[in-house]
Amino acid sequence: MAGSTTAERGERQQESSGPPPARRFTPPRLRTIIILAVALVVLAAGSVWVLYGSNWLRVERVSVSGTRILTPAQVREAADVPVGAPLISVDTDAIEARLSRKLPRIDVVDVERSWPHGIGLKVTERTPVLLVQKGQNFVEVDDEGVRFATVSEAPKGVPALELTLSQPGSRAASLRRFDESRLVREAVRIAGAVPAAVAKDARTVKVRSYDDISLELTGGRTVAWGSGEKSAAKARTLTALMKASPDARHFDVSVPTAPASSGS
């Protein structure tokens, strides 16, 4: 009987030395869940009120940067930012669209919220590479062919376009294959590719046909460019040619692998 008692004790000791029983998960009380839900609702409502209902985060100022020809006042007027409105509610895409529509001189505009009270308008204006004469005025054209402004005085350093399709039959032949707008785009393409050191001296881009386009520079110098094809190579060749023949008056890069210069 004593042995039996000893065995039972051993079994009880083995059972007591095993891992403790796992605790059961007690779900949060309903009262705690309700308190947390109410707190979240109050927090959300407070955030909405701060953003939309309070006077803490409303538009008070509109700053403009990056203008060259346009004035900040012109940009602010065209942007029509709703001063006094909640800053979070301002439609920046709509402002960008208004500026692009009302002020074609603007190429790119970034509209940014400047917390807590500002809207910033960062403007990049288009740069003319060519002028198209229209009566007594001049139409500015950028390097993408966009006609963005009409001015009464020609800006300095911007060449004028001259269409001189005057050879017998050349005008009709050129216009049958390439309409006038295409020839203008080709001239724009070339004007945008001319090296900066040369562009400042360019006075006229003369178009006789699609593949007969030339530049007239200051000092009676001329550049035969040809078509707008391989313009990057022609620009590099022209730079090297002018350095090699600084006294030349005529440069021909219409075939960039076989350039030529003449006159002095």
C-alpha atoms as a PDB file:
ATOM      1  CA  MET A   1       0.000   0.000   0.000  1.00  0.00           C
ATOM      2  CA  ALA A   2       2.899   2.244   0.742  1.00  0.00           C
ATOM      3  CA  GLY A   3       4.285   1.500  -2.752  1.00  0.00           C
ATOM      4  CA  SER A   4       1.005   2.402  -4.317  1.00  0.00           C
ATOM      5  CA  THR A   5       1.015   5.684  -2.487  1.00  0.00           C
ATOM      6  CA  THR A   6       4.525   6.448  -3.647  1.00  0.00           C
ATOM      7  CA  ALA A   7       3.572   5.838  -7.307  1.00  0.00           C
ATOM      8  CA  GLU A   8       0.589   8.090  -7.041  1.00  0.00           C
ATOM      9  CA  ARG A   9       2.760  10.787  -5.569  1.00  0.00           C
ATOM     10  CA  GLY A  10       5.215  10.423  -8.438  1.00  0.00           C
ATOM     11  CA  GLU A  11       2.455  10.820 -10.996  1.00  0.00           C
ATOM     12  CA  ARG A  12       1.196  13.918  -9.239  1.00  0.00           C
ATOM     13  CA  GLN A  13       4.717  15.393  -9.201  1.00  0.00           C
ATOM     14  CA  GLN A  14       5.114  14.768 -12.957  1.00  0.00           C
ATOM     15  CA  GLU A  15       1.807  16.442 -13.656  1.00  0.00           C
ATOM     16  CA  SER A  16       2.706  19.481 -11.541  1.00  0.00           C
ATOM     17  CA  SER A  17       6.111  19.889 -13.219  1.00  0.00           C
ATOM     18  CA  GLY A  18       4.612  20.199 -16.772  1.00  0.00           C
ATOM     19  CA  PRO A  19       3.910  23.503 -18.664  1.00  0.00           C
ATOM     20  CA  PRO A  20       1.282  25.747 -17.128  1.00  0.00           C
ATOM     21  CA  PRO A  21      -2.098  25.667 -18.794  1.00  0.00           C
ATOM     22  CA  ALA A  22      -2.624  28.346 -21.503  1.00  0.00           C
ATOM     23  CA  ARG A  23      -4.604  31.385 -20.471  1.00  0.00           C
ATOM     24  CA  ARG A  24      -7.820  31.988 -22.230  1.00  0.00           C
ATOM     25  CA  PHE A  25      -8.175  35.196 -24.331  1.00  0.00           C
ATOM     26  CA  THR A  26     -10.572  37.540 -22.708  1.00  0.00           C
ATOM     27  CA  PRO A  27     -12.324  39.773 -25.269  1.00  0.00           C
ATOM     28  CA  PRO A  28     -12.399  43.521 -24.491  1.00  0.00           C
ATOM     29  CA  ARG A  29     -15.440  44.624 -22.710  1.00  0.00           C
ATOM     30  CA  LEU A  30     -18.202  46.310 -24.660  1.00  0.00           C
ATOM     31  CA  ARG A  31     -17.746  49.436 -22.609  1.00  0.00           C
ATOM     32  CA  THR A  32     -14.073  49.749 -23.636  1.00  0.00           C
ATOM     33  CA  ILE A  33     -14.964  49.317 -27.317  1.00  0.00           C
ATOM     34  CA  ILE A  34     -17.602  52.038 -27.096  1.00  0.00           C
ATOM     35  CA  ILE A  35     -15.169  54.454 -25.415  1.00  0.00           C
ATOM     36  CA  LEU A  36     -12.550  53.878 -28.095  1.00  0.00           C
ATOM     37  CA  ALA A  37     -15.082  54.311 -30.910  1.00  0.00           C
ATOM     38  CA  VAL A  38     -16.360  57.566 -29.425  1.00  0.00           C
ATOM     39  CA  ALA A  39     -12.780  58.833 -29.043  1.00  0.00           C
ATOM     40  CA  LEU A  40     -12.025  58.087 -32.698  1.00  0.00           C
ATOM     41  CA  VAL A  41     -15.205  59.833 -33.845  1.00  0.00           C
ATOM     42  CA  VAL A  42     -14.390  62.901 -31.745  1.00  0.00           C
ATOM     43  CA  LEU A  43     -10.815  62.962 -33.073  1.00  0.00           C
ATOM     44  CA  ALA A  44     -11.984  62.693 -36.679  1.00  0.00           C
ATOM     45  CA  ALA A  45     -14.623  65.361 -36.193  1.00  0.00           C
ATOM     46  CA  GLY A  46     -12.069  67.640 -34.568  1.00  0.00           C
ATOM     47  CA  SER A  47      -9.636  67.153 -37.464  1.00  0.00           C
ATOM     48  CA  VAL A  48     -12.346  67.944 -40.018  1.00  0.00           C
ATOM     49  CA  TRP A  49     -13.312  71.062 -38.099  1.00  0.00           C
ATOM     50  CA  VAL A  50      -9.701  72.247 -37.872  1.00  0.00           C
ATOM     51  CA  LEU A  51      -9.168  71.724 -41.623  1.00  0.00           C
ATOM     52  CA  TYR A  52     -12.506  73.031 -42.905  1.00  0.00           C
ATOM     53  CA  GLY A  53     -14.341  74.938 -40.202  1.00  0.00           C
ATOM     54  CA  SER A  54     -11.738  76.835 -38.214  1.00  0.00           C
ATOM     55  CA  ASN A  55      -9.867  79.994 -39.170  1.00  0.00           C
ATOM     56  CA  TRP A  56      -6.499  78.430 -38.401  1.00  0.00           C
ATOM     57  CA  LEU A  57      -5.799  76.913 -41.846  1.00  0.00           C
ATOM     58  CA  ARG A  58      -7.300  79.298 -44.379  1.00  0.00           C
ATOM     59  CA  VAL A  59      -5.761  80.980 -47.443  1.00  0.00           C
ATOM     60  CA  GLU A  60      -4.406  84.398 -46.520  1.00  0.00           C
ATOM     61  CA  ARG A  61      -1.652  85.007 -49.075  1.00  0.00           C
ATOM     62  CA  VAL A  62      -0.665  83.971 -52.618  1.00  0.00           C
ATOM     63  CA  SER A  63       3.033  84.121 -53.520  1.00  0.00           C
ATOM     64  CA  VAL A  64       4.371  84.113 -57.098  1.00  0.00           C
ATOM     65  CA  SER A  65       7.890  83.230 -58.249  1.00  0.00           C
ATOM     66  CA  GLY A  66       9.694  82.638 -61.544  1.00  0.00           C
ATOM     67  CA  THR A  67       8.110  85.387 -63.658  1.00  0.00           C
ATOM     68  CA  ARG A  68      10.191  87.264 -66.253  1.00  0.00           C
ATOM     69  CA  ILE A  69       7.813  89.101 -68.577  1.00  0.00           C
ATOM     70  CA  LEU A  70       4.594  88.546 -66.676  1.00  0.00           C
ATOM     71  CA  THR A  71       4.038  90.367 -63.402  1.00  0.00           C
ATOM     72  CA  PRO A  72       3.072  88.637 -60.135  1.00  0.00           C
ATOM     73  CA  ALA A  73      -0.153  90.661 -60.175  1.00  0.00           C
ATOM     74  CA  GLN A  74      -1.095  89.250 -63.594  1.00  0.00           C
ATOM     75  CA  VAL A  75      -0.458  85.718 -62.379  1.00  0.00           C
ATOM     76  CA  ARG A  76      -2.495  86.208 -59.194  1.00  0.00           C
ATOM     77  CA  GLU A  77      -5.407  87.657 -61.135  1.00  0.00           C
ATOM     78  CA  ALA A  78      -5.447  84.777 -63.633  1.00  0.00           C
ATOM     79  CA  ALA A  79      -5.025  82.149 -60.899  1.00  0.00           C
ATOM     80  CA  ASP A  80      -8.084  83.459 -59.018  1.00  0.00           C
ATOM     81  CA  VAL A  81      -7.109  81.674 -55.792  1.00  0.00           C
ATOM     82  CA  PRO A  82     -10.064  81.704 -53.352  1.00  0.00           C
ATOM     83  CA  VAL A  83      -8.556  83.765 -50.529  1.00  0.00           C
ATOM     84  CA  GLY A  84     -10.295  82.993 -47.253  1.00  0.00           C
ATOM     85  CA  ALA A  85     -11.199  79.436 -48.233  1.00  0.00           C
ATOM     86  CA  PRO A  86      -9.916  76.451 -46.236  1.00  0.00           C
ATOM     87  CA  LEU A  87      -6.423  75.668 -47.491  1.00  0.00           C
ATOM     88  CA  ILE A  88      -7.212  71.958 -47.771  1.00  0.00           C
ATOM     89  CA  SER A  89     -10.138  72.630 -50.126  1.00  0.00           C
ATOM     90  CA  VAL A  90      -8.190  74.619 -52.733  1.00  0.00           C
ATOM     91  CA  ASP A  91      -8.242  72.811 -56.095  1.00  0.00           C
ATOM     92  CA  THR A  92      -4.617  73.145 -57.265  1.00  0.00           C
ATOM     93  CA  ASP A  93      -5.298  71.365 -60.561  1.00  0.00           C
ATOM     94  CA  ALA A  94      -8.022  73.871 -61.411  1.00  0.00           C
ATOM     95  CA  ILE A  95      -5.663  76.767 -60.678  1.00  0.00           C
ATOM     96  CA  GLU A  96      -3.012  75.282 -62.982  1.00  0.00           C
ATOM     97  CA  ALA A  97      -5.609  74.851 -65.734  1.00  0.00           C
ATOM     98  CA  ARG A  98      -6.805  78.469 -65.390  1.00  0.00           C
ATOM     99  CA  LEU A  99      -3.268  79.826 -65.600  1.00  0.00           C
ATOM    100  CA  SER A 100      -2.433  77.758 -68.688  1.00  0.00           C
ATOM    101  CA  ARG A 101      -5.658  78.867 -70.383  1.00  0.00           C
ATOM    102  CA  LYS A 102      -5.518  82.568 -69.493  1.00  0.00           C
ATOM    103  CA  LEU A 103      -1.765  83.100 -69.776  1.00  0.00           C
ATOM    104  CA  PRO A 104      -0.338  81.119 -72.726  1.00  0.00           C
ATOM    105  CA  ARG A 105       3.075  82.613 -71.973  1.00  0.00           C
ATOM    106  CA  ILE A 106       3.251  80.209 -69.035  1.00  0.00           C
ATOM    107  CA  ASP A 107       4.884  76.916 -69.978  1.00  0.00           C
ATOM    108  CA  VAL A 108       4.754  75.155 -66.598  1.00  0.00           C
ATOM    109  CA  VAL A 109       3.246  76.161 -63.270  1.00  0.00           C
ATOM    110  CA  ASP A 110       3.421  74.365 -59.940  1.00  0.00           C
ATOM    111  CA  VAL A 111       0.723  75.188 -57.395  1.00  0.00           C
ATOM    112  CA  GLU A 112       1.649  74.254 -53.843  1.00  0.00           C
ATOM    113  CA  ARG A 113       0.011  74.638 -50.459  1.00  0.00           C
ATOM    114  CA  SER A 114       2.234  76.478 -47.993  1.00  0.00           C
ATOM    115  CA  TRP A 115       0.845  75.630 -44.591  1.00  0.00           C
ATOM    116  CA  PRO A 116      -0.763  77.139 -42.640  1.00  0.00           C
ATOM    117  CA  HIS A 117      -1.989  80.106 -44.724  1.00  0.00           C
ATOM    118  CA  GLY A 118      -0.329  80.274 -48.156  1.00  0.00           C
ATOM    119  CA  ILE A 119      -0.581  79.178 -51.776  1.00  0.00           C
ATOM    120  CA  GLY A 120       2.614  79.262 -53.832  1.00  0.00           C
ATOM    121  CA  LEU A 121       2.614  79.676 -57.633  1.00  0.00           C
ATOM    122  CA  LYS A 122       5.948  78.727 -59.230  1.00  0.00           C
ATOM    123  CA  VAL A 123       5.902  79.811 -62.877  1.00  0.00           C
ATOM    124  CA  THR A 124       8.136  78.891 -65.805  1.00  0.00           C
ATOM    125  CA  GLU A 125       7.558  81.124 -68.824  1.00  0.00           C
ATOM    126  CA  ARG A 126       7.992  80.091 -72.434  1.00  0.00           C
ATOM    127  CA  THR A 127      11.119  81.345 -74.201  1.00  0.00           C
ATOM    128  CA  PRO A 128      10.734  82.567 -77.795  1.00  0.00           C
ATOM    129  CA  VAL A 129      13.121  81.103 -80.356  1.00  0.00           C
ATOM    130  CA  LEU A 130      11.476  82.651 -83.405  1.00  0.00           C
ATOM    131  CA  LEU A 131       9.284  85.609 -84.352  1.00  0.00           C
ATOM    132  CA  VAL A 132       6.577  85.556 -86.993  1.00  0.00           C
ATOM    133  CA  GLN A 133       5.635  89.022 -88.205  1.00  0.00           C
ATOM    134  CA  LYS A 134       1.908  89.740 -88.213  1.00  0.00           C
ATOM    135  CA  GLY A 135       1.174  93.183 -89.574  1.00  0.00           C
ATOM    136  CA  GLN A 136       2.993  95.637 -87.341  1.00  0.00           C
ATOM    137  CA  ASN A 137       3.293  93.100 -84.540  1.00  0.00           C
ATOM    138  CA  PHE A 138       5.326  89.984 -83.884  1.00  0.00           C
ATOM    139  CA  VAL A 139       4.128  86.551 -82.730  1.00  0.00           C
ATOM    140  CA  GLU A 140       6.501  84.789 -80.352  1.00  0.00           C
ATOM    141  CA  VAL A 141       7.027  81.071 -80.979  1.00  0.00           C
ATOM    142  CA  ASP A 142       8.767  78.715 -78.541  1.00  0.00           C
ATOM    143  CA  ASP A 143      10.930  75.679 -79.287  1.00  0.00           C
ATOM    144  CA  GLU A 144       7.848  73.441 -79.388  1.00  0.00           C
ATOM    145  CA  GLY A 145       6.218  75.564 -82.082  1.00  0.00           C
ATOM    146  CA  VAL A 146       3.668  77.096 -79.706  1.00  0.00           C
ATOM    147  CA  ARG A 147       2.619  80.629 -80.655  1.00  0.00           C
ATOM    148  CA  PHE A 148       2.120  82.041 -77.206  1.00  0.00           C
ATOM    149  CA  ALA A 149       2.167  85.831 -77.385  1.00  0.00           C
ATOM    150  CA  THR A 150       1.836  88.791 -79.745  1.00  0.00           C
ATOM    151  CA  VAL A 151       4.071  91.781 -79.028  1.00  0.00           C
ATOM    152  CA  SER A 152       4.464  95.176 -80.677  1.00  0.00           C
ATOM    153  CA  GLU A 153       8.261  95.228 -80.380  1.00  0.00           C
ATOM    154  CA  ALA A 154      10.573  92.398 -81.405  1.00  0.00           C
ATOM    155  CA  PRO A 155      12.490  90.999 -78.409  1.00  0.00           C
ATOM    156  CA  LYS A 156      16.240  91.353 -78.718  1.00  0.00           C
ATOM    157  CA  GLY A 157      18.179  88.273 -79.703  1.00  0.00           C
ATOM    158  CA  VAL A 158      15.214  86.439 -81.238  1.00  0.00           C
ATOM    159  CA  PRO A 159      15.408  85.859 -85.015  1.00  0.00           C
ATOM    160  CA  ALA A 160      12.513  86.606 -87.328  1.00  0.00           C
ATOM    161  CA  LEU A 161      11.042  84.056 -89.720  1.00  0.00           C
ATOM    162  CA  GLU A 162      11.187  84.876 -93.399  1.00  0.00           C
ATOM    163  CA  LEU A 163       9.426  82.668 -95.955  1.00  0.00           C
ATOM    164  CA  THR A 164      11.036  83.338 -99.340  1.00  0.00           C
ATOM    165  CA  LEU A 165       9.620  80.658-101.613  1.00  0.00           C
ATOM    166  CA  SER A 166      10.107  82.903-104.627  1.00  0.00           C
ATOM    167  CA  GLN A 167      11.868  80.743-107.213  1.00  0.00           C
ATOM    168  CA  PRO A 168       9.621  79.772-110.149  1.00  0.00           C
ATOM    169  CA  GLY A 169       7.497  76.852-109.094  1.00  0.00           C
ATOM    170  CA  SER A 170       9.362  76.363-105.807  1.00  0.00           C
ATOM    171  CA  ARG A 171       6.595  77.744-103.636  1.00  0.00           C
ATOM    172  CA  ALA A 172       3.930  75.552-105.199  1.00  0.00           C
ATOM    173  CA  ALA A 173       6.170  72.480-105.111  1.00  0.00           C
ATOM    174  CA  SER A 174       7.160  73.017-101.479  1.00  0.00           C
ATOM    175  CA  LEU A 175       3.628  73.718-100.345  1.00  0.00           C
ATOM    176  CA  ARG A 176       2.292  70.648-102.137  1.00  0.00           C
ATOM    177  CA  ARG A 177       4.622  68.441-100.135  1.00  0.00           C
ATOM    178  CA  PHE A 178       4.916  70.515 -96.932  1.00  0.00           C
ATOM    179  CA  ASP A 179       2.271  73.047 -95.997  1.00  0.00           C
ATOM    180  CA  GLU A 180       3.278  76.397 -94.557  1.00  0.00           C
ATOM    181  CA  SER A 181       2.717  75.330 -90.948  1.00  0.00           C
ATOM    182  CA  ARG A 182       5.105  72.405 -91.467  1.00  0.00           C
ATOM    183  CA  LEU A 183       7.760  74.737 -92.872  1.00  0.00           C
ATOM    184  CA  VAL A 184       7.305  77.049 -89.896  1.00  0.00           C
ATOM    185  CA  ARG A 185       7.715  74.097 -87.506  1.00  0.00           C
ATOM    186  CA  GLU A 186      10.912  73.130 -89.318  1.00  0.00           C
ATOM    187  CA  ALA A 187      12.237  76.669 -88.916  1.00  0.00           C
ATOM    188  CA  VAL A 188      11.346  76.569 -85.223  1.00  0.00           C
ATOM    189  CA  ARG A 189      13.107  73.238 -84.882  1.00  0.00           C
ATOM    190  CA  ILE A 190      16.275  74.722 -86.347  1.00  0.00           C
ATOM    191  CA  ALA A 191      16.064  77.924 -84.302  1.00  0.00           C
ATOM    192  CA  GLY A 192      15.837  75.864 -81.140  1.00  0.00           C
ATOM    193  CA  ALA A 193      18.893  73.808 -82.107  1.00  0.00           C
ATOM    194  CA  VAL A 194      21.230  76.684 -82.984  1.00  0.00           C
ATOM    195  CA  PRO A 195      24.121  76.942 -80.468  1.00  0.00           C
ATOM    196  CA  ALA A 196      23.582  79.647 -77.861  1.00  0.00           C
ATOM    197  CA  ALA A 197      26.702  81.536 -78.942  1.00  0.00           C
ATOM    198  CA  VAL A 198      25.294  81.740 -82.476  1.00  0.00           C
ATOM    199  CA  ALA A 199      21.644  82.256 -81.525  1.00  0.00           C
ATOM    200  CA  LYS A 200      22.397  85.607 -79.873  1.00  0.00           C
ATOM    201  CA  ASP A 201      23.666  86.889 -83.236  1.00  0.00           C
ATOM    202  CA  ALA A 202      20.868  85.390 -85.350  1.00  0.00           C
ATOM    203  CA  ARG A 203      18.646  87.937 -87.050  1.00  0.00           C
ATOM    204  CA  THR A 204      16.609  85.919 -89.552  1.00  0.00           C
ATOM    205  CA  VAL A 205      15.691  82.315 -90.268  1.00  0.00           C
ATOM    206  CA  LYS A 206      15.062  82.205 -94.006  1.00  0.00           C
ATOM    207  CA  VAL A 207      12.989  79.356 -95.456  1.00  0.00           C
ATOM    208  CA  ARG A 208      13.177  78.728 -99.200  1.00  0.00           C
ATOM    209  CA  SER A 209      12.011  75.102 -99.014  1.00  0.00           C
ATOM    210  CA  TYR A 210      11.916  72.222 -96.557  1.00  0.00           C
ATOM    211  CA  ASP A 211      15.593  71.370 -97.097  1.00  0.00           C
ATOM    212  CA  ASP A 212      16.834  74.874 -97.876  1.00  0.00           C
ATOM    213  CA  ILE A 213      16.752  76.846 -94.640  1.00  0.00           C
ATOM    214  CA  SER A 214      19.449  79.341 -93.713  1.00  0.00           C
ATOM    215  CA  LEU A 215      20.351  81.771 -90.943  1.00  0.00           C
ATOM    216  CA  GLU A 216      21.335  85.391 -91.328  1.00  0.00           C
ATOM    217  CA  LEU A 217      23.642  86.599 -88.556  1.00  0.00           C
ATOM    218  CA  THR A 218      25.017  89.968 -87.558  1.00  0.00           C
ATOM    219  CA  GLY A 219      27.936  91.280 -89.580  1.00  0.00           C
ATOM    220  CA  GLY A 220      26.550  89.971 -92.862  1.00  0.00           C
ATOM    221  CA  ARG A 221      27.308  86.353 -92.005  1.00  0.00           C
ATOM    222  CA  THR A 222      25.101  83.479 -93.184  1.00  0.00           C
ATOM    223  CA  VAL A 223      24.692  79.825 -92.303  1.00  0.00           C
ATOM    224  CA  ALA A 224      23.297  77.282 -94.766  1.00  0.00           C
ATOM    225  CA  TRP A 225      21.535  74.775 -92.507  1.00  0.00           C
ATOM    226  CA  GLY A 226      19.454  72.697 -94.911  1.00  0.00           C
ATOM    227  CA  SER A 227      16.540  70.877 -93.281  1.00  0.00           C
ATOM    228  CA  GLY A 228      15.960  70.348 -89.594  1.00  0.00           C
ATOM    229  CA  GLU A 229      17.258  66.786 -89.795  1.00  0.00           C
ATOM    230  CA  LYS A 230      20.469  66.023 -87.864  1.00  0.00           C
ATOM    231  CA  SER A 231      20.264  69.455 -86.234  1.00  0.00           C
ATOM    232  CA  ALA A 232      22.272  68.387 -83.168  1.00  0.00           C
ATOM    233  CA  ALA A 233      25.170  67.269 -85.379  1.00  0.00           C
ATOM    234  CA  LYS A 234      24.894  70.455 -87.442  1.00  0.00           C
ATOM    235  CA  ALA A 235      25.034  72.573 -84.277  1.00  0.00           C
ATOM    236  CA  ARG A 236      28.218  70.860 -83.115  1.00  0.00           C
ATOM    237  CA  THR A 237      29.759  71.169 -86.579  1.00  0.00           C
ATOM    238  CA  LEU A 238      28.882  74.869 -86.809  1.00  0.00           C
ATOM    239  CA  THR A 239      30.534  75.594 -83.460  1.00  0.00           C
ATOM    240  CA  ALA A 240      33.732  73.854 -84.536  1.00  0.00           C
ATOM    241  CA  LEU A 241      33.654  75.486 -87.990  1.00  0.00           C
ATOM    242  CA  MET A 242      33.304  78.995 -86.569  1.00  0.00           C
ATOM    243  CA  LYS A 243      36.236  78.414 -84.230  1.00  0.00           C
ATOM    244  CA  ALA A 244      38.361  77.126 -87.095  1.00  0.00           C
ATOM    245  CA  SER A 245      37.378  79.975 -89.466  1.00  0.00           C
ATOM    246  CA  PRO A 246      36.539  82.986 -87.273  1.00  0.00           C
ATOM    247  CA  ASP A 247      36.815  85.454 -90.184  1.00  0.00           C
ATOM    248  CA  ALA A 248      34.566  83.538 -92.577  1.00  0.00           C
ATOM    249  CA  ARG A 249      31.288  85.077 -93.719  1.00  0.00           C
ATOM    250  CA  HIS A 250      29.475  82.011 -95.018  1.00  0.00           C
ATOM    251  CA  PHE A 251      29.158  78.647 -93.277  1.00  0.00           C
ATOM    252  CA  ASP A 252      27.554  75.558 -94.767  1.00  0.00           C
ATOM    253  CA  VAL A 253      26.570  72.726 -92.409  1.00  0.00           C
ATOM    254  CA  SER A 254      23.725  71.320 -94.502  1.00  0.00           C
ATOM    255  CA  VAL A 255      25.817  68.130 -94.701  1.00  0.00           C
ATOM    256  CA  PRO A 256      27.404  68.028 -91.236  1.00  0.00           C
ATOM    257  CA  THR A 257      30.022  65.471 -92.246  1.00  0.00           C
ATOM    258  CA  ALA A 258      31.254  67.756 -95.041  1.00  0.00           C
ATOM    259  CA  PRO A 259      31.034  71.347 -93.752  1.00  0.00           C
ATOM    260  CA  ALA A 260      32.432  74.330 -95.605  1.00  0.00           C
ATOM    261  CA  SER A 261      33.190  78.005 -94.959  1.00  0.00           C
ATOM    262  CA  SER A 262      34.077  80.842 -97.277  1.00  0.00           C
ATOM    263  CA  GLY A 263      34.553  84.595 -97.440  1.00  0.00           C
ATOM    264  CA  SER A 264      36.545  86.779 -95.104  1.00  0.00           C
END
